[in-house]
Structure formats: C-alpha cells, structure tokens
Protein backbone atom coordinates (compact mmCIF):
# COMPACT_ATOMS: atom_id res chain seq x y z
CA MET A 1 -21.01 -9.88 -19.36
CA MET A 2 -18.65 -9.24 -16.67
CA LYS A 3 -19.52 -10.16 -13.10
CA LYS A 4 -19.17 -7.21 -10.87
CA GLU A 5 -17.18 -8.05 -7.58
CA VAL A 6 -18.41 -6.79 -4.24
CA ILE A 7 -15.67 -5.12 -2.20
CA PHE A 8 -16.11 -4.93 1.75
CA ASP A 9 -14.74 -2.15 3.71
CA ALA A 10 -13.16 -5.08 5.85
CA ASN A 11 -11.04 -6.24 3.17
CA LEU A 12 -9.77 -2.88 2.32
CA HIS A 13 -8.91 -2.22 5.94
CA PHE A 14 -6.79 -5.50 6.15
CA GLU A 15 -5.12 -4.74 3.01
CA HIS A 16 -4.17 -1.41 4.43
CA LYS A 17 -2.97 -3.02 7.63
CA ARG A 18 -0.76 -4.99 5.66
CA TRP A 19 0.56 -2.58 3.48
CA ARG A 20 1.54 -0.28 6.50
CA SER A 21 3.32 -3.37 8.19
CA GLU A 22 5.47 -3.73 4.92
CA LEU A 23 6.08 0.00 4.47
CA ASP A 24 7.10 -0.18 8.53
CA PHE A 25 9.69 -2.92 7.69
CA TRP A 26 10.88 -1.09 4.59
CA GLU A 27 11.36 2.16 6.45
CA ASP A 28 13.63 0.29 8.80
CA GLU A 29 15.58 -1.25 6.20
CA PHE A 30 16.12 1.45 3.86
CA ILE A 31 16.47 4.94 5.28
CA LEU A 32 16.76 6.62 1.68
CA HIS A 33 13.34 5.12 0.65
CA GLY A 34 11.86 7.20 3.76
CA GLY A 35 10.61 10.05 1.72
CA VAL A 36 8.51 7.66 -0.49
CA ILE A 37 7.23 5.54 2.39
CA ASP A 38 6.12 8.70 4.29
CA SER A 39 3.97 9.66 1.36
CA MET A 40 2.47 6.50 0.83
CA GLN A 41 1.73 6.27 4.83
CA GLU A 42 -0.09 9.32 4.47
CA GLY A 43 -2.04 8.28 1.36
CA ILE A 44 -3.03 5.05 3.39
CA GLU A 45 -4.48 7.29 6.07
CA LYS A 46 -6.24 9.62 3.96
CA HIS A 47 -7.81 6.49 2.07
CA GLU A 48 -8.54 4.89 5.62
CA ALA A 49 -10.61 8.08 6.72
CA SER A 50 -12.53 8.22 3.50
CA ILE A 51 -13.52 4.45 4.09
CA VAL A 52 -14.39 5.16 7.53
CA GLY A 53 -16.57 7.89 6.41
CA HIS A 54 -18.16 5.57 3.86
CA SER A 55 -18.73 3.00 6.34
CA GLN A 56 -20.19 5.56 8.59
CA LEU A 57 -22.89 6.23 6.24
CA ARG A 58 -23.76 2.49 6.34
CA LYS A 59 -23.08 1.85 2.65
CA GLU A 60 -22.51 -2.09 2.01
CA ILE A 61 -20.42 -1.41 -1.28
CA MET A 62 -17.81 0.98 -1.96
CA ASP A 63 -18.36 3.58 -4.50
CA VAL A 64 -16.26 3.62 -7.85
CA ALA A 65 -13.98 6.65 -6.92
CA LEU A 66 -12.88 4.89 -3.56
CA VAL A 67 -12.22 1.43 -5.30
CA LYS A 68 -10.36 2.95 -8.16
CA LYS A 69 -7.97 5.00 -5.54
CA HIS A 70 -7.51 1.83 -3.58
CA VAL A 71 -6.53 -0.03 -6.92
CA ASP A 72 -4.22 2.83 -7.81
CA PHE A 73 -2.58 2.56 -4.39
CA ARG A 74 -2.34 -1.20 -4.78
CA GLU A 75 -0.29 -0.82 -7.93
CA ARG A 76 1.74 2.07 -6.31
CA MET A 77 2.64 -0.54 -3.36
CA GLU A 78 3.26 -3.25 -6.11
CA THR A 79 6.04 -0.88 -7.91
CA GLN A 80 7.59 -0.25 -4.18
CA ARG A 81 7.87 -3.80 -3.81
CA GLN A 82 9.85 -4.23 -6.90
CA ILE A 83 11.78 -1.42 -6.14
CA TYR A 84 12.88 -2.64 -2.68
CA ALA A 85 13.24 -6.03 -3.83
CA ASP A 86 15.73 -4.66 -6.38
CA LEU A 87 17.57 -2.32 -4.08
CA LYS A 88 17.99 -5.41 -1.54
CA LYS A 89 19.55 -7.26 -4.36
CA GLU A 90 22.02 -4.64 -5.04
CA PHE A 91 22.91 -4.03 -1.48
CA PHE A 92 23.43 -7.61 -1.01
CA ARG A 93 25.59 -7.84 -4.25
CA PHE A 94 27.59 -4.91 -2.90
CA LEU A 95 28.54 -6.59 0.11
CA THR A 96 29.28 -9.77 -1.43
CA LYS A 97 32.04 -8.00 -3.61
CA TYR A 98 33.36 -5.77 -1.20
CA MET A 99 33.16 -7.58 2.12
C-alpha cells in the first residue's frame, strides 16, 4: 500500500519563492530566455493565487488538481534548469574559444 504524502500550502509557497528567485536570476543572465521566463512567472502567479484561495477555505490538504499542477510546474522548472545550464556551458565554451 502506498503512503500518501501530506502537502502543506507553506511548502508550496516556499518552492514558488525559490522558483521566482531562480527565474529572476536567469532573466538577468539570458535575455533570449525572457519569453519562457515571463510565461513561467505568470504560471507561478496563477498557481499561487489558487493556493491562496485554497488556504482561505481553511483546507489543510491540497486537492489533487492543485498538486498535479504544482508537480507539472516542478518538472518544467527542472527542464529549464537543464536548458539554462546547457546555455551557460555553451556561452563559456564560446568565450574560451574566441576570447
């Protein structure tokens, strides 16, 4: 039998805050990445509003749809982290080769 994990709003808020900081940093580093970053920041804002609404209803545990949305967003962040790391590697390779 699989044990269900309890997910608290505070944990999701913390992860959103961390994601926003990371996106802000990436935006400063790579302007070309800006459209994707803007879209993701907007997605975080919408999800955060959903969580706040959920919290105002005094529900202790997130519903399945909100958790799924959060997990999907977490996967998008992981993908963007990899893209960012690859871009940065390529950029430094370019600098090393041509500078």
